[in-house]
N, C-alpha and C. Protein backbone atom coordinates (compact mmCIF):
# COMPACT_ATOMS: atom_id res chain seq x y z
N MET A 1 56.85 84.15 158.85
CA MET A 1 58.22 84.57 158.89
C MET A 1 58.83 84.46 157.52
N PHE A 2 58.52 83.40 156.79
CA PHE A 2 59.04 83.20 155.46
C PHE A 2 58.56 84.30 154.53
N LEU A 3 57.30 84.71 154.67
CA LEU A 3 56.75 85.76 153.83
C LEU A 3 57.39 87.10 154.10
N SER A 4 57.70 87.39 155.34
CA SER A 4 58.30 88.68 155.67
C SER A 4 59.73 88.78 155.15
N VAL A 5 60.47 87.67 155.15
CA VAL A 5 61.84 87.68 154.63
C VAL A 5 61.81 87.85 153.12
N ARG A 6 60.86 87.13 152.53
CA ARG A 6 60.78 87.22 151.08
C ARG A 6 60.36 88.63 150.65
N SER A 7 59.43 89.20 151.32
CA SER A 7 59.01 90.55 150.98
C SER A 7 60.12 91.55 151.26
N GLY A 8 60.91 91.30 152.27
CA GLY A 8 62.05 92.18 152.54
C GLY A 8 63.11 92.05 151.48
N ALA A 9 63.31 90.83 150.97
CA ALA A 9 64.31 90.62 149.92
C ALA A 9 63.86 91.29 148.64
N SER A 10 62.58 91.16 148.31
CA SER A 10 62.11 91.79 147.08
C SER A 10 62.12 93.31 147.22
N MET A 11 61.92 93.80 148.42
CA MET A 11 61.95 95.22 148.63
C MET A 11 63.37 95.75 148.45
N SER A 12 64.38 95.05 148.99
CA SER A 12 65.76 95.50 148.83
C SER A 12 66.21 95.38 147.38
N THR A 13 65.74 94.35 146.66
CA THR A 13 66.07 94.20 145.25
C THR A 13 65.45 95.34 144.45
N GLY A 14 64.25 95.73 144.77
CA GLY A 14 63.61 96.84 144.08
C GLY A 14 64.33 98.15 144.33
N ILE A 15 64.84 98.35 145.54
CA ILE A 15 65.59 99.57 145.85
C ILE A 15 66.88 99.60 145.04
N ILE A 16 67.55 98.46 144.95
CA ILE A 16 68.80 98.38 144.19
C ILE A 16 68.53 98.62 142.71
N ARG A 17 67.42 98.05 142.20
CA ARG A 17 67.09 98.26 140.78
C ARG A 17 66.80 99.72 140.50
N ARG A 18 66.06 100.37 141.38
CA ARG A 18 65.76 101.79 141.19
C ARG A 18 67.03 102.62 141.26
N ALA A 19 67.94 102.29 142.15
CA ALA A 19 69.19 103.03 142.27
C ALA A 19 70.04 102.85 141.01
N LEU A 20 70.06 101.65 140.45
CA LEU A 20 70.82 101.41 139.24
C LEU A 20 70.21 102.11 138.04
N LEU A 21 68.89 102.19 137.99
CA LEU A 21 68.23 102.86 136.88
C LEU A 21 68.41 104.37 136.96
N GLN A 22 68.49 104.93 138.16
CA GLN A 22 68.65 106.36 138.31
C GLN A 22 70.08 106.80 137.97
N GLN A 23 71.08 105.98 138.19
CA GLN A 23 72.47 106.32 137.92
C GLN A 23 72.99 105.37 136.83
N PRO A 24 72.91 105.79 135.60
CA PRO A 24 73.37 104.90 134.53
C PRO A 24 74.89 104.72 134.60
N ILE A 25 75.29 103.54 134.25
CA ILE A 25 76.71 103.21 134.25
C ILE A 25 77.26 103.53 132.87
N HIS A 26 78.28 104.35 132.82
CA HIS A 26 78.93 104.72 131.56
C HIS A 26 80.24 103.96 131.46
N ALA A 27 80.27 103.04 130.57
CA ALA A 27 81.51 102.30 130.33
C ALA A 27 82.27 103.04 129.23
N ARG A 28 83.51 103.41 129.51
CA ARG A 28 84.31 104.14 128.54
C ARG A 28 85.48 103.27 128.11
N ARG A 29 85.70 103.22 126.84
CA ARG A 29 86.85 102.50 126.33
C ARG A 29 88.05 103.42 126.30
N LEU A 30 89.19 102.88 126.62
CA LEU A 30 90.40 103.67 126.53
C LEU A 30 90.92 103.73 125.10
N ILE A 31 90.71 102.67 124.36
CA ILE A 31 91.16 102.60 122.98
C ILE A 31 89.93 102.41 122.09
N SER A 32 89.82 103.26 121.09
CA SER A 32 88.70 103.16 120.17
C SER A 32 89.21 102.63 118.84
N LEU A 33 88.48 101.72 118.26
CA LEU A 33 88.85 101.19 116.96
C LEU A 33 88.30 102.03 115.83
N LYS A 34 87.45 102.98 116.14
CA LYS A 34 86.88 103.87 115.14
C LYS A 34 87.91 104.96 114.83
N PRO A 35 88.36 105.09 113.57
CA PRO A 35 89.40 106.07 113.26
C PRO A 35 88.87 107.50 113.32
N ASP A 36 89.75 108.43 113.68
CA ASP A 36 89.41 109.85 113.75
C ASP A 36 90.10 110.55 112.59
N PHE A 37 89.34 110.85 111.55
CA PHE A 37 89.90 111.48 110.36
C PHE A 37 89.82 113.00 110.41
N SER A 38 89.43 113.58 111.52
CA SER A 38 89.29 115.03 111.58
C SER A 38 90.64 115.73 111.50
N LYS A 39 91.71 115.08 111.94
CA LYS A 39 93.03 115.69 111.87
C LYS A 39 93.57 115.69 110.44
N LEU A 40 93.03 114.86 109.57
CA LEU A 40 93.55 114.72 108.22
C LEU A 40 92.88 115.64 107.22
N LYS A 41 91.86 116.37 107.64
CA LYS A 41 91.15 117.27 106.74
C LYS A 41 91.89 118.59 106.60
N LYS A 42 91.57 119.31 105.51
CA LYS A 42 92.11 120.65 105.33
C LYS A 42 91.57 121.57 106.40
N ILE A 43 92.38 122.49 106.86
CA ILE A 43 91.97 123.47 107.85
C ILE A 43 91.24 124.59 107.11
N GLU A 44 90.05 124.90 107.54
CA GLU A 44 89.26 125.95 106.89
C GLU A 44 89.93 127.30 107.08
N GLN A 45 89.99 128.08 106.01
CA GLN A 45 90.64 129.39 106.03
C GLN A 45 89.59 130.48 105.82
N PRO A 46 89.79 131.63 106.45
CA PRO A 46 88.90 132.75 106.16
C PRO A 46 89.17 133.26 104.74
N PRO A 47 88.21 133.93 104.11
CA PRO A 47 88.41 134.40 102.74
C PRO A 47 89.60 135.34 102.64
N GLY A 48 90.51 135.04 101.73
CA GLY A 48 91.70 135.87 101.54
C GLY A 48 92.70 135.74 102.66
N PHE A 49 92.50 134.81 103.55
CA PHE A 49 93.30 134.59 104.75
C PHE A 49 93.45 135.89 105.54
N ILE A 50 92.36 136.61 105.70
CA ILE A 50 92.35 137.81 106.52
C ILE A 50 91.85 137.39 107.89
N VAL A 51 92.76 137.35 108.86
CA VAL A 51 92.43 136.82 110.18
C VAL A 51 91.68 137.86 111.00
N ASP A 52 92.20 139.07 111.08
CA ASP A 52 91.51 140.13 111.83
C ASP A 52 90.66 140.93 110.86
N THR A 53 90.72 142.22 110.95
CA THR A 53 90.03 143.06 109.97
C THR A 53 91.01 143.45 108.88
N VAL A 54 90.50 144.07 107.84
CA VAL A 54 91.34 144.47 106.72
C VAL A 54 92.32 145.56 107.13
N ASN A 55 91.97 146.36 108.10
CA ASN A 55 92.80 147.49 108.49
C ASN A 55 93.88 147.15 109.52
N GLU A 56 93.97 145.90 109.95
CA GLU A 56 95.01 145.50 110.91
C GLU A 56 96.36 145.43 110.20
N PRO A 57 97.44 145.81 110.88
CA PRO A 57 98.76 145.73 110.23
C PRO A 57 99.19 144.28 110.04
N TYR A 58 100.01 144.06 109.03
CA TYR A 58 100.51 142.72 108.71
C TYR A 58 101.53 142.28 109.76
N LYS A 59 101.37 141.07 110.23
CA LYS A 59 102.32 140.50 111.19
C LYS A 59 103.14 139.45 110.45
N PRO A 60 104.40 139.75 110.10
CA PRO A 60 105.20 138.76 109.36
C PRO A 60 105.55 137.57 110.25
N PRO A 61 105.72 136.39 109.65
CA PRO A 61 106.10 135.23 110.46
C PRO A 61 107.50 135.40 111.03
N GLN A 62 107.76 134.70 112.12
CA GLN A 62 109.06 134.79 112.77
C GLN A 62 110.11 134.15 111.85
N SER A 63 111.25 134.81 111.70
CA SER A 63 112.27 134.32 110.77
C SER A 63 113.06 133.18 111.41
N ASP A 64 113.45 132.25 110.57
CA ASP A 64 114.22 131.09 110.98
C ASP A 64 115.37 130.93 109.99
N PRO A 65 116.62 130.95 110.45
CA PRO A 65 117.74 130.91 109.50
C PRO A 65 117.84 129.62 108.71
N TYR A 66 117.26 128.53 109.18
CA TYR A 66 117.38 127.27 108.47
C TYR A 66 116.15 126.95 107.63
N GLU A 67 115.02 127.51 107.94
CA GLU A 67 113.79 127.15 107.24
C GLU A 67 113.30 128.20 106.28
N GLY A 68 113.60 129.47 106.49
CA GLY A 68 112.94 130.42 105.63
C GLY A 68 113.69 131.67 105.28
N SER A 69 114.36 132.30 106.24
CA SER A 69 114.88 133.63 105.97
C SER A 69 116.15 133.63 105.13
N TYR A 70 116.96 132.61 105.17
CA TYR A 70 118.19 132.56 104.39
C TYR A 70 118.19 131.43 103.35
N HIS A 71 117.05 130.79 103.13
CA HIS A 71 117.05 129.64 102.23
C HIS A 71 117.39 130.02 100.80
N TRP A 72 117.03 131.22 100.37
CA TRP A 72 117.34 131.62 99.01
C TRP A 72 118.85 131.74 98.83
N ALA A 73 119.53 132.31 99.81
CA ALA A 73 120.99 132.44 99.73
C ALA A 73 121.66 131.07 99.74
N TYR A 74 121.17 130.16 100.58
CA TYR A 74 121.73 128.81 100.61
C TYR A 74 121.52 128.09 99.29
N GLU A 75 120.34 128.22 98.71
CA GLU A 75 120.06 127.57 97.43
C GLU A 75 120.96 128.13 96.33
N ARG A 76 121.19 129.43 96.31
CA ARG A 76 122.07 130.03 95.29
C ARG A 76 123.51 129.57 95.46
N MET A 77 123.99 129.46 96.71
CA MET A 77 125.36 129.00 96.93
C MET A 77 125.53 127.55 96.47
N VAL A 78 124.56 126.71 96.77
CA VAL A 78 124.65 125.31 96.36
C VAL A 78 124.57 125.19 94.85
N SER A 79 123.69 125.96 94.21
CA SER A 79 123.58 125.92 92.75
C SER A 79 124.85 126.41 92.08
N THR A 80 125.46 127.44 92.64
CA THR A 80 126.71 127.96 92.08
C THR A 80 127.84 126.96 92.27
N ALA A 81 127.87 126.26 93.38
CA ALA A 81 128.92 125.27 93.63
C ALA A 81 128.80 124.06 92.71
N LEU A 82 127.61 123.77 92.21
CA LEU A 82 127.42 122.62 91.33
C LEU A 82 128.10 122.80 89.97
N VAL A 83 128.21 124.04 89.49
CA VAL A 83 128.76 124.28 88.16
C VAL A 83 130.23 123.84 88.06
N PRO A 84 131.14 124.32 88.92
CA PRO A 84 132.52 123.85 88.79
C PRO A 84 132.69 122.37 89.15
N LEU A 85 131.88 121.88 90.09
CA LEU A 85 131.99 120.47 90.45
C LEU A 85 131.59 119.56 89.29
N LEU A 86 130.68 120.01 88.46
CA LEU A 86 130.27 119.23 87.29
C LEU A 86 131.29 119.34 86.16
N MET A 87 131.94 120.51 86.02
CA MET A 87 132.86 120.72 84.92
C MET A 87 134.21 120.04 85.12
N VAL A 88 134.67 119.91 86.33
CA VAL A 88 136.01 119.38 86.61
C VAL A 88 136.21 117.97 86.05
N PRO A 89 135.36 117.00 86.32
CA PRO A 89 135.64 115.65 85.82
C PRO A 89 135.50 115.49 84.30
N PHE A 90 134.53 116.19 83.71
CA PHE A 90 134.29 115.97 82.29
C PHE A 90 135.20 116.83 81.41
N ILE A 91 135.42 118.07 81.80
CA ILE A 91 136.25 118.95 80.97
C ILE A 91 137.72 118.82 81.38
N GLY A 92 137.99 118.83 82.67
CA GLY A 92 139.37 118.74 83.14
C GLY A 92 139.94 117.33 83.10
N GLY A 93 139.09 116.34 83.08
CA GLY A 93 139.54 114.96 83.04
C GLY A 93 140.03 114.43 84.37
N VAL A 94 139.78 115.15 85.46
CA VAL A 94 140.22 114.71 86.78
C VAL A 94 139.11 113.86 87.38
N ASN A 95 139.42 112.60 87.65
CA ASN A 95 138.44 111.70 88.24
C ASN A 95 138.91 111.37 89.66
N HIS A 96 138.53 112.24 90.60
CA HIS A 96 138.96 112.08 91.98
C HIS A 96 137.75 111.75 92.84
N PRO A 97 137.87 110.79 93.77
CA PRO A 97 136.68 110.40 94.56
C PRO A 97 136.15 111.50 95.47
N ILE A 98 136.99 112.41 95.93
CA ILE A 98 136.51 113.49 96.81
C ILE A 98 135.64 114.46 96.01
N ILE A 99 136.06 114.76 94.79
CA ILE A 99 135.25 115.65 93.94
C ILE A 99 133.92 114.97 93.60
N ASP A 100 133.97 113.67 93.32
CA ASP A 100 132.76 112.92 92.99
C ASP A 100 131.79 112.90 94.16
N ALA A 101 132.30 112.61 95.35
CA ALA A 101 131.44 112.56 96.54
C ALA A 101 130.89 113.94 96.88
N THR A 102 131.72 114.98 96.72
CA THR A 102 131.26 116.34 97.00
C THR A 102 130.16 116.74 96.03
N PHE A 103 130.33 116.39 94.75
CA PHE A 103 129.29 116.70 93.76
C PHE A 103 127.99 115.97 94.11
N CYS A 104 128.09 114.69 94.47
CA CYS A 104 126.87 113.92 94.77
C CYS A 104 126.12 114.49 95.97
N VAL A 105 126.85 114.83 97.03
CA VAL A 105 126.19 115.36 98.23
C VAL A 105 125.63 116.75 97.95
N THR A 106 126.36 117.57 97.19
CA THR A 106 125.86 118.91 96.84
C THR A 106 124.61 118.81 95.97
N LEU A 107 124.60 117.87 95.04
CA LEU A 107 123.41 117.67 94.21
C LEU A 107 122.23 117.20 95.05
N LEU A 108 122.49 116.33 96.03
CA LEU A 108 121.43 115.86 96.92
C LEU A 108 120.86 117.01 97.76
N VAL A 109 121.74 117.87 98.27
CA VAL A 109 121.28 119.04 99.05
C VAL A 109 120.49 119.99 98.15
N HIS A 110 120.93 120.16 96.91
CA HIS A 110 120.22 121.01 95.95
C HIS A 110 118.80 120.48 95.68
N CYS A 111 118.69 119.18 95.46
CA CYS A 111 117.37 118.57 95.22
C CYS A 111 116.49 118.64 96.46
N GLN A 112 117.08 118.41 97.62
CA GLN A 112 116.31 118.45 98.88
C GLN A 112 115.78 119.85 99.14
N SER A 113 116.61 120.88 98.89
CA SER A 113 116.13 122.25 99.14
C SER A 113 115.05 122.64 98.12
N GLY A 114 115.15 122.15 96.90
CA GLY A 114 114.12 122.44 95.90
C GLY A 114 112.79 121.78 96.25
N PHE A 115 112.83 120.52 96.66
CA PHE A 115 111.59 119.85 97.06
C PHE A 115 111.02 120.45 98.34
N LYS A 116 111.89 120.89 99.25
CA LYS A 116 111.41 121.53 100.48
C LYS A 116 110.68 122.84 100.15
N ALA A 117 111.21 123.59 99.18
CA ALA A 117 110.53 124.82 98.75
C ALA A 117 109.17 124.50 98.14
N CYS A 118 109.07 123.41 97.39
CA CYS A 118 107.78 123.01 96.82
C CYS A 118 106.79 122.63 97.92
N ILE A 119 107.28 121.93 98.94
CA ILE A 119 106.41 121.55 100.07
C ILE A 119 105.91 122.80 100.79
N ILE A 120 106.81 123.74 101.04
CA ILE A 120 106.43 124.97 101.74
C ILE A 120 105.41 125.76 100.92
N ASP A 121 105.59 125.81 99.59
CA ASP A 121 104.69 126.58 98.74
C ASP A 121 103.34 125.92 98.52
N TYR A 122 103.35 124.62 98.27
CA TYR A 122 102.12 123.96 97.82
C TYR A 122 101.42 123.13 98.89
N ILE A 123 102.09 122.85 100.01
CA ILE A 123 101.45 122.14 101.12
C ILE A 123 101.70 122.97 102.39
N PRO A 124 101.15 124.19 102.47
CA PRO A 124 101.44 125.03 103.64
C PRO A 124 100.84 124.46 104.92
N LYS A 125 101.54 124.70 106.00
CA LYS A 125 101.12 124.15 107.29
C LYS A 125 99.80 124.76 107.76
N ARG A 126 99.56 126.04 107.47
CA ARG A 126 98.35 126.69 107.94
C ARG A 126 97.10 126.14 107.26
N VAL A 127 97.25 125.51 106.09
CA VAL A 127 96.10 124.96 105.38
C VAL A 127 95.99 123.46 105.57
N TYR A 128 97.10 122.75 105.43
CA TYR A 128 97.05 121.29 105.43
C TYR A 128 97.45 120.65 106.75
N GLY A 129 97.97 121.41 107.69
CA GLY A 129 98.25 120.91 109.03
C GLY A 129 99.19 119.73 109.06
N ILE A 130 98.66 118.55 109.37
CA ILE A 130 99.47 117.36 109.57
C ILE A 130 100.13 116.88 108.27
N TRP A 131 99.53 117.15 107.12
CA TRP A 131 100.10 116.69 105.86
C TRP A 131 101.40 117.41 105.53
N HIS A 132 101.55 118.65 105.98
CA HIS A 132 102.82 119.37 105.79
C HIS A 132 103.94 118.63 106.53
N GLY A 133 103.68 118.23 107.76
CA GLY A 133 104.68 117.50 108.53
C GLY A 133 105.00 116.15 107.92
N VAL A 134 103.97 115.46 107.42
CA VAL A 134 104.19 114.15 106.78
C VAL A 134 105.05 114.31 105.54
N ALA A 135 104.78 115.34 104.74
CA ALA A 135 105.58 115.56 103.53
C ALA A 135 107.02 115.89 103.88
N CYS A 136 107.24 116.70 104.91
CA CYS A 136 108.61 117.03 105.33
C CYS A 136 109.34 115.80 105.85
N LYS A 137 108.66 114.96 106.60
CA LYS A 137 109.29 113.72 107.11
C LYS A 137 109.63 112.76 105.97
N LEU A 138 108.73 112.64 104.99
CA LEU A 138 109.03 111.79 103.83
C LEU A 138 110.20 112.33 103.02
N LEU A 139 110.30 113.66 102.91
CA LEU A 139 111.44 114.25 102.22
C LEU A 139 112.74 113.97 102.97
N SER A 140 112.71 114.07 104.28
CA SER A 140 113.90 113.76 105.08
C SER A 140 114.29 112.30 104.93
N LEU A 141 113.30 111.41 104.94
CA LEU A 141 113.57 109.99 104.75
C LEU A 141 114.20 109.74 103.38
N GLY A 142 113.65 110.36 102.35
CA GLY A 142 114.21 110.21 101.01
C GLY A 142 115.62 110.75 100.91
N THR A 143 115.90 111.85 101.62
CA THR A 143 117.25 112.41 101.62
C THR A 143 118.23 111.46 102.28
N PHE A 144 117.84 110.85 103.39
CA PHE A 144 118.74 109.90 104.06
C PHE A 144 118.94 108.64 103.22
N VAL A 145 117.91 108.19 102.54
CA VAL A 145 118.06 107.04 101.64
C VAL A 145 118.99 107.40 100.48
N GLY A 146 118.86 108.61 99.95
CA GLY A 146 119.75 109.07 98.89
C GLY A 146 121.19 109.18 99.36
N LEU A 147 121.37 109.64 100.60
CA LEU A 147 122.72 109.73 101.16
C LEU A 147 123.34 108.34 101.32
N TYR A 148 122.54 107.37 101.73
CA TYR A 148 123.01 106.00 101.83
C TYR A 148 123.34 105.45 100.44
N GLY A 149 122.55 105.79 99.44
CA GLY A 149 122.84 105.38 98.07
C GLY A 149 124.13 105.97 97.56
N ILE A 150 124.40 107.23 97.91
CA ILE A 150 125.68 107.86 97.54
C ILE A 150 126.84 107.12 98.20
N TYR A 151 126.66 106.77 99.46
CA TYR A 151 127.70 106.03 100.17
C TYR A 151 127.97 104.69 99.48
N LEU A 152 126.92 103.96 99.11
CA LEU A 152 127.11 102.69 98.42
C LEU A 152 127.76 102.88 97.05
N LEU A 153 127.35 103.91 96.33
CA LEU A 153 127.91 104.18 95.01
C LEU A 153 129.39 104.53 95.10
N GLU A 154 129.77 105.27 96.11
CA GLU A 154 131.17 105.68 96.26
C GLU A 154 132.05 104.56 96.79
N THR A 155 131.50 103.66 97.60
CA THR A 155 132.34 102.63 98.20
C THR A 155 132.40 101.35 97.37
N THR A 156 131.32 100.98 96.69
CA THR A 156 131.32 99.71 95.95
C THR A 156 131.75 99.87 94.50
N SER A 157 131.58 101.05 93.93
CA SER A 157 132.04 101.28 92.55
C SER A 157 132.87 102.56 92.53
N ASN A 158 133.13 103.08 91.34
CA ASN A 158 134.02 104.24 91.22
C ASN A 158 133.29 105.57 91.30
N GLY A 159 132.05 105.58 91.66
CA GLY A 159 131.34 106.83 91.85
C GLY A 159 130.40 107.17 90.71
N LEU A 160 129.77 108.33 90.84
CA LEU A 160 128.75 108.76 89.89
C LEU A 160 129.33 109.11 88.53
N PHE A 161 130.48 109.80 88.51
CA PHE A 161 131.04 110.22 87.23
C PHE A 161 131.47 109.02 86.39
N ASP A 162 132.03 108.01 87.03
CA ASP A 162 132.41 106.80 86.30
C ASP A 162 131.16 106.07 85.79
N LEU A 163 130.10 106.06 86.58
CA LEU A 163 128.84 105.45 86.15
C LEU A 163 128.26 106.18 84.95
N ILE A 164 128.29 107.51 84.98
CA ILE A 164 127.78 108.31 83.84
C ILE A 164 128.64 108.10 82.61
N ALA A 165 129.97 108.06 82.79
CA ALA A 165 130.88 107.86 81.65
C ALA A 165 130.67 106.47 81.05
N SER A 166 130.44 105.45 81.88
CA SER A 166 130.22 104.11 81.33
C SER A 166 128.86 104.02 80.62
N LEU A 167 127.85 104.70 81.15
CA LEU A 167 126.55 104.73 80.47
C LEU A 167 126.60 105.52 79.17
N TRP A 168 127.38 106.60 79.16
CA TRP A 168 127.50 107.44 77.98
C TRP A 168 128.24 106.70 76.87
N GLY A 169 129.23 105.93 77.26
CA GLY A 169 130.02 105.19 76.26
C GLY A 169 129.33 103.92 75.78
N ALA A 170 128.36 103.42 76.54
CA ALA A 170 127.72 102.16 76.18
C ALA A 170 126.66 102.31 75.18
């Protein structure tokens, strides 16, 4: 009786072992510590960026009033507005905080639009993918930090024009 139980136990163990060997257990991790750098690589482009054939008509990108189609007009308006704002305090001798703050914010918008144009030209989304978005986010962060700096300059001291005049005289 003891031999038959033992042989039955070894037989059931052998069946279980064969079943486990036939169906491998795949343990999957939900979080991998191995980094995936495939998103950070340049996106491969076809030669000359010809997507279809050479004879296909050109499909222009969809226009966006804030990002592309009117940016040249906005940049020209901001650049034109900087000229009288710069001349008033130094030539006219008027040192008013509203003019100073307007000049600072206009200059910040002018610099932000210039750097945004550089990002669009030299880090295009179709080639660099995620790096275009990172550069745009860093530019936005820098713009907000600059805006906070303007706020501190206008509230704690007499503004940018007074700072320039004191540096020029020193």
